[in-house]
Amino acid sequence: MSKKTALITGVTGQDGSYLTELLLSKGYEVHGILRRASTFNTSRIDGIRKDTIYGNPPNEGNPFFLHYGDLGDASNLARLIGRIQPDEIYNLAAQSHVRVSFDIPEYTTDITATGTIRLLEAIREVGIKPRFYQASSSEMYGLVQQIPQTETTPFYPRSPYGCAKVFSYWVTVNYRESYGLHASNGILFNHESPRRGESFVTRKITRGAAHIKLGLQDKLFLGNLDARRDWGYAKEYVDAMWRILQQPEPDDYVIATNETHTIRECLEVAFARVELDWKNHVEIDPRYYRPAEVDILIGDYSKAKRKLGWEPRTKFKELIELMVDADLKLIHDQLAGKVNRQD
């Protein structure tokens, strides 16, 4: 059996790095698209990358390649797809911060929504039919119409990011039905890890708790503490992405835990881990409130369990504690001058 080739957009992100490791462990040749910028945010993949040369054969037989590209550049996407000829494409790239999407709605729409159709059109232009995974989001449900949310729950997005993800969801379905592409959506609910971006609330909390414990800061500023979310472990969620593309027929799946917890509960677990009372260190800052709030998200993953054989394993408390522990270690290593990669 010949080695499969995968192309990942958003390869330097939390999900992209975990997915790269998973695919490499399964014997794939993996290609990632990296935006050209004045500074590189490659810390999540540096341990995989080693001596990889951009767009050229990697050293030491490492089957991982990076290519400059951008979801805003359609011609470049077509060239890359034509050259790589991937068996599977995972579209994970987006401007994915919900609160920030209110500040930069046009950019969010261009990358998160229009970027998806550029990628799908590039596939059509090249004339190949790889299996295509679209990273859809629980934020599409927004003002929820049903609890818990399933694959058939109507969407009601409450942010530019959510609206952009709804477009990408439906255009993926449209290309599947119109052109016969093996194109699927994974509707992933919140998924966290030590590799989560520091501006996202769970990582902001676990990093803040670690800094406060070590005397490096005193206060943590947050917005709505009563928002309820369905939080799982990102390392497990990328396995669901892979399983979705191994199915004989394309389809759409909710990936979630079917549990919901408040941001307040996240604070309680994180600060208890470092033996502190969060109430002494957390203050509310109205700047972090969204113009339109999403009060509760909770996903029913029964279809994924039935058809993919997938279910979450890491519980909420365990997840937050492992993130706090990782942040404590990261800060200790930084203070000691060590180079450290997040796990």
Protein backbone atom coordinates (compact mmCIF):
# COMPACT_ATOMS: atom_id res chain seq x y z
CA MET A 1 0.00 0.00 0.00
CA SER A 2 1.46 3.37 -1.04
CA LYS A 3 2.04 6.10 1.51
CA LYS A 4 -0.81 8.61 1.82
CA THR A 5 -0.16 12.31 1.43
CA ALA A 6 -2.00 14.94 3.47
CA LEU A 7 -2.11 18.72 3.15
CA ILE A 8 -2.96 20.79 6.25
CA THR A 9 -3.85 24.47 6.33
CA GLY A 10 -3.36 26.07 9.74
CA VAL A 11 -0.54 23.62 10.41
CA THR A 12 1.14 25.81 13.05
CA GLY A 13 -1.99 26.01 15.22
CA GLN A 14 -3.02 23.82 18.12
CA ASP A 15 -5.01 21.39 15.96
CA GLY A 16 -2.59 21.48 13.05
CA SER A 17 0.36 20.45 15.21
CA TYR A 18 -1.49 17.57 16.89
CA LEU A 19 -2.90 16.40 13.55
CA THR A 20 0.57 16.49 11.98
CA GLU A 21 1.92 14.26 14.75
CA LEU A 22 -1.00 11.85 14.38
CA LEU A 23 -0.66 11.54 10.61
CA LEU A 24 3.10 11.08 10.77
CA SER A 25 2.57 8.29 13.32
CA LYS A 26 0.29 6.61 10.77
CA GLY A 27 2.93 6.74 8.05
CA TYR A 28 1.64 9.74 6.08
CA GLU A 29 3.70 12.24 4.17
CA VAL A 30 2.45 15.55 5.58
CA HIS A 31 2.54 18.97 3.92
CA GLY A 32 1.64 22.10 5.84
CA ILE A 33 0.84 25.58 4.58
CA LEU A 34 2.60 28.36 6.46
CA ARG A 35 1.84 32.05 6.03
CA ARG A 36 4.85 34.19 5.14
CA ALA A 37 5.23 36.84 7.84
CA SER A 38 7.93 38.96 9.42
CA THR A 39 7.95 36.63 12.42
CA PHE A 40 7.10 32.93 12.56
CA ASN A 41 4.88 31.29 15.14
CA THR A 42 6.13 27.74 14.68
CA SER A 43 6.74 26.72 18.30
CA ARG A 44 4.05 24.02 18.18
CA ILE A 45 5.72 22.23 15.26
CA ASP A 46 9.39 22.96 15.89
CA GLY A 47 9.87 19.54 17.46
CA ILE A 48 8.46 17.91 14.32
CA ARG A 49 10.05 20.27 11.81
CA LYS A 50 13.70 19.78 12.72
CA ASP A 51 15.69 20.54 9.55
CA THR A 52 12.82 20.59 7.09
CA ILE A 53 13.49 22.96 4.20
CA TYR A 54 10.46 24.92 3.02
CA GLY A 55 9.06 23.22 -0.07
CA ASN A 56 12.09 20.92 -0.47
CA PRO A 57 12.77 17.32 0.58
CA PRO A 58 13.36 17.23 4.33
CA ASN A 59 16.55 15.95 5.87
CA GLU A 60 16.91 12.68 7.79
CA GLY A 61 13.97 11.13 5.96
CA ASN A 62 11.49 13.33 7.84
CA PRO A 63 8.29 13.16 5.74
CA PHE A 64 7.06 16.60 6.82
CA PHE A 65 7.15 19.55 4.43
CA LEU A 66 6.24 23.20 4.92
CA HIS A 67 5.18 25.51 2.10
CA TYR A 68 4.50 29.22 2.04
CA GLY A 69 0.86 29.91 1.26
CA ASP A 70 -2.26 31.74 2.33
CA LEU A 71 -6.01 31.19 2.07
CA GLY A 72 -6.17 34.68 0.60
CA ASP A 73 -4.14 33.62 -2.46
CA ALA A 74 -6.14 31.35 -4.76
CA SER A 75 -3.48 30.87 -7.45
CA ASN A 76 -0.91 29.81 -4.88
CA LEU A 77 -3.33 27.28 -3.41
CA ALA A 78 -3.92 25.75 -6.85
CA ARG A 79 -0.17 25.52 -7.51
CA LEU A 80 0.48 23.82 -4.19
CA ILE A 81 -2.36 21.32 -4.59
CA GLY A 82 -1.24 20.55 -8.14
CA ARG A 83 2.35 19.95 -7.02
CA ILE A 84 1.57 17.98 -3.85
CA GLN A 85 -1.39 15.94 -5.22
CA PRO A 86 -2.69 15.21 -1.71
CA ASP A 87 -4.94 12.27 -0.88
CA GLU A 88 -6.45 14.23 2.03
CA ILE A 89 -6.81 17.96 2.72
CA TYR A 90 -7.57 19.29 6.20
CA ASN A 91 -8.70 22.93 6.21
CA LEU A 92 -7.93 24.11 9.74
CA ALA A 93 -6.84 27.68 8.95
CA ALA A 94 -9.02 30.57 10.13
CA GLN A 95 -9.10 33.78 12.08
CA SER A 96 -10.53 31.77 14.94
CA HIS A 97 -10.82 34.14 17.89
CA VAL A 98 -14.52 34.89 18.36
CA ARG A 99 -14.13 38.19 20.26
CA VAL A 100 -11.51 39.45 17.80
CA SER A 101 -13.84 38.70 14.89
CA PHE A 102 -16.03 41.63 16.02
CA ASP A 103 -12.99 43.92 15.68
CA ILE A 104 -11.83 42.59 12.29
CA PRO A 105 -14.99 41.18 10.67
CA GLU A 106 -13.88 41.72 7.08
CA TYR A 107 -10.57 39.92 7.51
CA THR A 108 -12.29 37.14 9.48
CA THR A 109 -14.78 36.64 6.66
CA ASP A 110 -12.13 36.72 3.94
CA ILE A 111 -9.96 34.02 5.53
CA THR A 112 -12.49 31.92 7.43
CA ALA A 113 -15.25 31.92 4.80
CA THR A 114 -13.93 32.98 1.40
CA GLY A 115 -10.68 31.11 2.08
CA THR A 116 -12.63 27.85 2.16
CA ILE A 117 -14.19 28.42 -1.25
CA ARG A 118 -10.79 29.41 -2.66
CA LEU A 119 -9.46 26.07 -1.44
CA LEU A 120 -12.40 24.10 -2.85
CA GLU A 121 -12.11 25.91 -6.18
CA ALA A 122 -8.38 25.17 -6.26
CA ILE A 123 -9.20 21.47 -5.87
CA ARG A 124 -11.65 21.69 -8.79
CA GLU A 125 -9.21 23.65 -10.93
CA VAL A 126 -6.44 21.09 -10.46
CA GLY A 127 -8.87 18.30 -11.30
CA ILE A 128 -8.08 15.88 -8.49
CA LYS A 129 -10.50 14.54 -5.88
CA PRO A 130 -8.82 14.34 -2.50
CA ARG A 131 -10.85 13.76 0.63
CA PHE A 132 -11.57 17.16 2.16
CA TYR A 133 -12.11 18.01 5.83
CA GLN A 134 -13.62 21.35 6.83
CA ALA A 135 -13.09 22.53 10.40
CA SER A 136 -16.56 23.67 11.39
CA SER A 137 -17.38 25.11 14.81
CA SER A 138 -19.93 24.94 17.60
CA GLU A 139 -20.05 28.75 17.34
CA MET A 140 -22.34 28.19 14.34
CA TYR A 141 -25.11 27.25 16.81
CA GLY A 142 -24.78 30.57 18.67
CA LEU A 143 -28.19 31.35 20.13
CA VAL A 144 -28.94 27.68 20.51
CA GLN A 145 -32.23 26.31 19.15
CA GLN A 146 -31.88 22.90 20.81
CA ILE A 147 -30.05 21.37 23.78
CA PRO A 148 -27.87 19.44 23.24
CA GLN A 149 -26.85 20.41 19.71
CA THR A 150 -26.72 17.72 17.02
CA GLU A 151 -25.93 17.56 13.32
CA THR A 152 -29.51 18.63 12.54
CA THR A 153 -29.80 21.55 14.99
CA PRO A 154 -30.40 24.83 13.09
CA PHE A 155 -27.54 27.33 13.10
CA TYR A 156 -27.91 30.78 14.68
CA PRO A 157 -24.43 32.35 14.75
CA ARG A 158 -23.75 35.28 17.07
CA SER A 159 -20.42 36.60 15.77
CA PRO A 160 -18.68 37.34 12.46
CA TYR A 161 -16.59 34.23 13.11
CA GLY A 162 -19.70 32.09 13.58
CA CYS A 163 -21.27 33.52 10.42
CA ALA A 164 -18.10 32.81 8.43
CA LYS A 165 -18.04 29.22 9.69
CA VAL A 166 -21.69 28.73 8.67
CA PHE A 167 -20.77 29.79 5.12
CA SER A 168 -17.83 27.37 5.06
CA TYR A 169 -20.02 24.57 6.37
CA TRP A 170 -22.65 25.01 3.69
CA VAL A 171 -20.22 25.57 0.83
CA THR A 172 -18.53 22.28 1.81
CA VAL A 173 -21.90 20.53 1.65
CA ASN A 174 -22.64 22.28 -1.65
CA TYR A 175 -19.40 21.14 -3.30
CA ARG A 176 -20.00 17.63 -2.02
CA GLU A 177 -23.44 17.52 -3.58
CA SER A 178 -22.62 19.52 -6.73
CA TYR A 179 -19.27 18.04 -7.73
CA GLY A 180 -19.13 14.68 -5.97
CA LEU A 181 -16.26 15.63 -3.67
CA HIS A 182 -15.57 13.52 -0.61
CA ALA A 183 -16.02 16.66 1.53
CA SER A 184 -16.99 16.47 5.21
CA ASN A 185 -17.53 18.82 8.13
CA GLY A 186 -16.35 18.17 11.65
CA ILE A 187 -18.43 20.38 13.94
CA LEU A 188 -15.95 20.59 16.77
CA PHE A 189 -17.00 22.04 20.10
CA ASN A 190 -14.42 23.84 22.24
CA HIS A 191 -11.23 21.80 22.44
CA GLU A 192 -8.27 22.82 24.53
CA SER A 193 -4.72 21.77 25.36
CA PRO A 194 -1.39 23.16 26.54
CA ARG A 195 -0.95 24.31 22.92
CA ARG A 196 -4.05 26.51 22.98
CA GLY A 197 -3.39 30.13 22.08
CA GLU A 198 -2.79 32.35 25.10
CA SER A 199 -5.67 34.70 24.20
CA PHE A 200 -8.30 31.93 24.45
CA VAL A 201 -10.08 31.84 27.78
CA THR A 202 -9.05 28.40 29.06
CA ARG A 203 -5.37 28.98 28.33
CA LYS A 204 -5.62 32.53 29.64
CA ILE A 205 -6.92 31.06 32.90
CA THR A 206 -4.40 28.22 33.25
CA ARG A 207 -1.47 30.46 32.28
CA GLY A 208 -2.73 33.18 34.63
CA ALA A 209 -3.07 30.75 37.53
CA ALA A 210 0.49 29.53 36.95
CA HIS A 211 1.89 33.08 36.76
CA ILE A 212 0.04 34.14 39.91
CA LYS A 213 1.23 31.05 41.79
CA LEU A 214 4.82 31.87 40.87
CA GLY A 215 4.43 35.53 41.85
CA LEU A 216 4.78 36.83 38.29
CA GLN A 217 1.39 38.58 38.26
CA ASP A 218 -1.36 39.34 40.73
CA LYS A 219 -4.59 39.82 38.75
CA LEU A 220 -6.38 38.08 35.89
CA PHE A 221 -8.95 40.06 33.90
CA LEU A 222 -11.88 38.23 32.28
CA GLY A 223 -15.35 38.88 30.86
CA ASN A 224 -18.51 36.76 31.27
CA LEU A 225 -17.87 34.02 33.84
CA ASP A 226 -21.29 32.41 33.38
CA ALA A 227 -20.93 31.34 29.73
CA ARG A 228 -21.20 27.56 29.49
CA ARG A 229 -19.09 25.55 27.06
CA ASP A 230 -18.48 21.96 26.05
CA TRP A 231 -14.71 21.51 26.50
CA GLY A 232 -12.68 18.55 25.27
CA TYR A 233 -9.02 17.67 24.67
CA ALA A 234 -7.69 18.79 21.28
CA LYS A 235 -5.31 15.84 21.01
CA GLU A 236 -8.33 13.52 20.95
CA TYR A 237 -10.33 15.72 18.58
CA VAL A 238 -7.78 15.51 15.74
CA ASP A 239 -8.23 11.74 15.82
CA ALA A 240 -11.90 12.36 15.02
CA MET A 241 -10.85 14.52 12.03
CA TRP A 242 -8.80 11.65 10.65
CA ARG A 243 -11.57 9.12 11.25
CA ILE A 244 -14.05 11.33 9.37
CA LEU A 245 -11.90 11.17 6.22
CA GLN A 246 -11.51 7.38 6.45
CA GLN A 247 -15.24 6.82 5.99
CA PRO A 248 -16.39 5.46 2.61
CA GLU A 249 -18.95 8.26 2.26
CA PRO A 250 -18.57 11.94 3.25
CA ASP A 251 -20.77 13.26 6.05
CA ASP A 252 -20.95 15.81 8.87
CA TYR A 253 -20.26 15.04 12.52
CA VAL A 254 -20.53 16.75 15.90
CA ILE A 255 -17.38 16.19 17.97
CA ALA A 256 -18.00 17.06 21.62
CA THR A 257 -18.22 15.68 25.17
CA ASN A 258 -21.94 16.20 25.89
CA GLU A 259 -20.95 17.99 29.11
CA THR A 260 -21.07 21.72 29.78
CA HIS A 261 -19.11 23.80 32.28
CA THR A 262 -18.92 27.50 33.09
CA ILE A 263 -15.85 29.69 32.90
CA ARG A 264 -16.29 30.05 36.66
CA GLU A 265 -15.85 26.28 37.03
CA CYS A 266 -12.71 26.49 34.91
CA LEU A 267 -11.34 29.10 37.32
CA GLU A 268 -12.18 26.92 40.32
CA VAL A 269 -10.33 23.90 38.93
CA ALA A 270 -7.30 25.85 37.69
CA PHE A 271 -6.72 27.84 40.88
CA ALA A 272 -7.39 24.84 43.11
CA ARG A 273 -4.58 23.08 41.24
CA VAL A 274 -2.16 25.77 42.44
CA GLU A 275 -3.81 25.98 45.89
CA LEU A 276 -5.18 29.49 45.48
CA ASP A 277 -8.63 31.09 45.74
CA TRP A 278 -9.49 32.53 42.33
CA LYS A 279 -11.80 35.15 43.88
CA ASN A 280 -8.75 36.93 45.27
CA HIS A 281 -7.15 37.33 41.86
CA VAL A 282 -9.85 37.62 39.16
CA GLU A 283 -11.49 40.87 38.11
CA ILE A 284 -14.18 41.49 35.49
CA ASP A 285 -13.26 43.73 32.57
CA PRO A 286 -16.19 44.80 30.33
CA ARG A 287 -13.83 44.93 27.35
CA TYR A 288 -13.91 41.15 27.23
CA TYR A 289 -17.67 40.90 26.85
CA ARG A 290 -18.92 40.08 23.36
CA PRO A 291 -21.46 42.37 21.65
CA ALA A 292 -23.68 39.28 21.26
CA GLU A 293 -23.07 36.51 23.80
CA VAL A 294 -23.38 32.75 23.34
CA ASP A 295 -24.70 31.48 26.66
CA ILE A 296 -24.46 27.69 26.33
CA LEU A 297 -22.97 25.14 23.97
CA ILE A 298 -23.20 21.39 24.51
CA GLY A 299 -22.81 18.80 21.76
CA ASP A 300 -24.28 15.33 21.27
CA TYR A 301 -21.49 13.16 19.82
CA SER A 302 -23.60 9.98 19.52
CA LYS A 303 -23.36 9.92 15.70
CA ALA A 304 -19.56 10.11 15.88
CA LYS A 305 -19.52 7.29 18.41
CA ARG A 306 -21.84 5.15 16.28
CA LYS A 307 -20.24 5.71 12.89
CA LEU A 308 -16.63 6.63 13.68
CA GLY A 309 -16.08 4.66 16.87
CA TRP A 310 -14.95 7.92 18.48
CA GLU A 311 -15.68 9.24 21.95
CA PRO A 312 -13.91 11.66 24.33
CA ARG A 313 -11.71 10.19 27.05
CA THR A 314 -10.29 13.16 28.97
CA LYS A 315 -12.68 14.75 31.45
CA PHE A 316 -12.96 18.49 32.06
CA LYS A 317 -11.17 18.56 35.44
CA GLU A 318 -8.32 16.41 34.14
CA LEU A 319 -7.97 18.63 31.06
CA ILE A 320 -7.72 21.89 32.99
CA GLU A 321 -5.29 20.38 35.48
CA LEU A 322 -2.98 19.05 32.77
CA MET A 323 -3.01 22.53 31.18
CA VAL A 324 -2.09 24.19 34.49
CA ASP A 325 0.70 21.67 35.04
CA ALA A 326 2.03 22.28 31.53
CA ASP A 327 1.97 26.06 32.05
CA LEU A 328 3.82 25.75 35.35
CA LYS A 329 6.50 23.66 33.64
CA LEU A 330 6.66 26.04 30.68
CA ILE A 331 7.20 29.06 32.93
CA HIS A 332 9.81 27.23 35.04
CA ASP A 333 11.69 26.27 31.87
CA GLN A 334 11.49 29.80 30.49
CA LEU A 335 12.83 31.23 33.75
CA ALA A 336 15.63 28.68 33.64
CA GLY A 337 16.44 29.65 30.05
CA LYS A 338 15.48 26.29 28.63
CA VAL A 339 13.92 25.80 25.22
CA ASN A 340 10.55 24.15 25.71
CA ARG A 341 7.85 22.96 23.38
CA GLN A 342 4.28 22.69 24.62
CA ASP A 343 2.80 19.20 24.85
